[in-house]
C-alpha atoms as a PDB file:
ATOM      1  CA  MET A   1      68.830  83.218  69.225  1.00  0.00           C
ATOM      2  CA  ARG A   2      70.848  81.276  71.752  1.00  0.00           C
ATOM      3  CA  THR A   3      73.025  78.410  70.528  1.00  0.00           C
ATOM      4  CA  ARG A   4      72.441  75.225  72.501  1.00  0.00           C
ATOM      5  CA  THR A   5      75.424  73.338  73.872  1.00  0.00           C
ATOM      6  CA  PHE A   6      75.699  69.860  75.352  1.00  0.00           C
ATOM      7  CA  GLY A   7      74.427  69.904  78.891  1.00  0.00           C
ATOM      8  CA  GLY A   8      73.360  73.551  78.745  1.00  0.00           C
ATOM      9  CA  ALA A   9      69.974  74.861  79.741  1.00  0.00           C
ATOM     10  CA  VAL A  10      67.812  76.256  76.950  1.00  0.00           C
ATOM     11  CA  GLY A  11      66.608  79.207  78.999  1.00  0.00           C
ATOM     12  CA  PRO A  12      67.430  81.315  82.039  1.00  0.00           C
ATOM     13  CA  GLU A  13      64.705  79.711  84.171  1.00  0.00           C
ATOM     14  CA  LEU A  14      65.520  76.207  83.095  1.00  0.00           C
ATOM     15  CA  ALA A  15      68.142  73.648  84.133  1.00  0.00           C
ATOM     16  CA  GLY A  16      69.910  70.818  82.399  1.00  0.00           C
ATOM     17  CA  VAL A  17      68.964  67.239  83.361  1.00  0.00           C
ATOM     18  CA  CYS A  18      71.309  64.405  84.288  1.00  0.00           C
ATOM     19  CA  ALA A  19      70.561  60.735  84.918  1.00  0.00           C
ATOM     20  CA  ASN A  20      73.143  58.630  86.608  1.00  0.00           C
ATOM     21  CA  PRO A  21      72.519  55.074  85.358  1.00  0.00           C
ATOM     22  CA  ALA A  22      73.904  53.593  88.597  1.00  0.00           C
ATOM     23  CA  ALA A  23      71.599  55.711  90.729  1.00  0.00           C
ATOM     24  CA  LEU A  24      68.616  54.678  88.705  1.00  0.00           C
ATOM     25  CA  LEU A  25      69.304  51.099  89.748  1.00  0.00           C
ATOM     26  CA  GLY A  26      69.926  52.070  93.367  1.00  0.00           C
ATOM     27  CA  HIS A  27      73.720  51.516  93.113  1.00  0.00           C
ATOM     28  CA  VAL A  28      76.556  53.809  94.221  1.00  0.00           C
ATOM     29  CA  VAL A  29      79.085  52.820  91.557  1.00  0.00           C
ATOM     30  CA  LEU A  30      78.787  51.973  87.893  1.00  0.00           C
ATOM     31  CA  ASP A  31      78.642  48.292  86.983  1.00  0.00           C
ATOM     32  CA  PHE A  32      80.488  48.188  83.693  1.00  0.00           C
ATOM     33  CA  GLN A  33      82.345  45.709  81.515  1.00  0.00           C
ATOM     34  CA  LEU A  34      85.409  46.383  79.387  1.00  0.00           C
ATOM     35  CA  SER A  35      86.252  44.421  76.332  1.00  0.00           C
ATOM     36  CA  THR A  36      89.536  42.536  76.206  1.00  0.00           C
ATOM     37  CA  LYS A  37      91.645  41.231  73.368  1.00  0.00           C
ATOM     38  CA  GLY A  38      94.572  38.904  72.774  1.00  0.00           C
ATOM     39  CA  ALA A  39      96.389  37.415  75.739  1.00  0.00           C
ATOM     40  CA  VAL A  40      94.047  39.021  78.260  1.00  0.00           C
ATOM     41  CA  ALA A  41      90.974  37.496  76.687  1.00  0.00           C
ATOM     42  CA  THR A  42      92.685  34.147  76.349  1.00  0.00           C
ATOM     43  CA  THR A  43      93.957  34.169  79.971  1.00  0.00           C
ATOM     44  CA  GLN A  44      90.593  35.286  81.383  1.00  0.00           C
ATOM     45  CA  GLY A  45      88.605  33.022  79.106  1.00  0.00           C
ATOM     46  CA  THR A  46      86.164  35.787  78.243  1.00  0.00           C
ATOM     47  CA  PRO A  47      86.049  38.842  76.033  1.00  0.00           C
ATOM     48  CA  LEU A  48      84.765  40.960  78.884  1.00  0.00           C
ATOM     49  CA  VAL A  49      86.295  41.988  82.221  1.00  0.00           C
ATOM     50  CA  GLU A  50      84.554  43.616  85.212  1.00  0.00           C
ATOM     51  CA  ASN A  51      86.327  45.960  87.621  1.00  0.00           C
ATOM     52  CA  PRO A  52      83.844  46.644  90.412  1.00  0.00           C
ATOM     53  CA  GLY A  53      84.386  49.878  92.338  1.00  0.00           C
ATOM     54  CA  VAL A  54      86.856  51.353  89.865  1.00  0.00           C
ATOM     55  CA  ILE A  55      84.531  53.611  87.856  1.00  0.00           C
ATOM     56  CA  SER A  56      82.081  55.991  89.547  1.00  0.00           C
ATOM     57  CA  ALA A  57      79.822  58.734  88.211  1.00  0.00           C
ATOM     58  CA  THR A  58      77.946  61.706  89.607  1.00  0.00           C
ATOM     59  CA  CYS A  59      75.675  64.306  88.124  1.00  0.00           C
ATOM     60  CA  THR A  60      77.602  67.588  88.195  1.00  0.00           C
ATOM     61  CA  THR A  61      76.750  71.230  87.375  1.00  0.00           C
ATOM     62  CA  ALA A  62      79.437  73.699  86.266  1.00  0.00           C
ATOM     63  CA  GLY A  63      78.106  77.106  85.359  1.00  0.00           C
ATOM     64  CA  ASP A  64      74.985  76.559  83.298  1.00  0.00           C
ATOM     65  CA  HIS A  65      75.976  73.023  82.175  1.00  0.00           C
ATOM     66  CA  THR A  66      74.823  69.803  83.847  1.00  0.00           C
ATOM     67  CA  PHE A  67      76.500  66.515  82.933  1.00  0.00           C
ATOM     68  CA  LEU A  68      77.463  63.059  84.181  1.00  0.00           C
ATOM     69  CA  ALA A  69      81.053  63.256  85.444  1.00  0.00           C
ATOM     70  CA  ILE A  70      82.788  59.896  85.299  1.00  0.00           C
ATOM     71  CA  SER A  71      85.946  59.151  87.283  1.00  0.00           C
ATOM     72  CA  ALA A  72      88.202  56.240  87.676  1.00  0.00           C
ATOM     73  CA  LYS A  73      90.355  55.281  90.639  1.00  0.00           C
ATOM     74  CA  SER A  74      94.031  55.552  89.769  1.00  0.00           C
ATOM     75  CA  GLU A  75      96.175  52.464  89.827  1.00  0.00           C
ATOM     76  CA  GLY A  76      97.029  51.449  93.330  1.00  0.00           C
ATOM     77  CA  SER A  77      94.086  53.245  94.986  1.00  0.00           C
ATOM     78  CA  GLY A  78      91.732  50.276  94.978  1.00  0.00           C
ATOM     79  CA  PRO A  79      91.828  46.868  96.549  1.00  0.00           C
ATOM     80  CA  SER A  80      94.657  44.569  95.492  1.00  0.00           C
ATOM     81  CA  ARG A  81      93.650  41.896  93.043  1.00  0.00           C
ATOM     82  CA  SER A  82      95.508  38.774  92.142  1.00  0.00           C
ATOM     83  CA  ALA A  83      94.945  36.168  89.483  1.00  0.00           C
ATOM     84  CA  GLU A  84      93.211  32.991  90.591  1.00  0.00           C
ATOM     85  CA  PRO A  85      94.388  29.671  89.172  1.00  0.00           C
END
């Protein structure tokens, strides 16, 4: 009996399935919100912060495993942002 693993196919003629939530909505990048605390939440006036274009995802296959690979742009690789008054 074969042991199932996350993202692995259950048989030799089968493949794993991946659903990119951004692609389901017709988007290229993920639209996500991160929670904030303390001074950041107070300064921003909200417990949530959006960072458009920072996080992306793509369905990936490695060997017999299929999964949603999520990546983030490293600091300095995205557009410059400044605080607005």
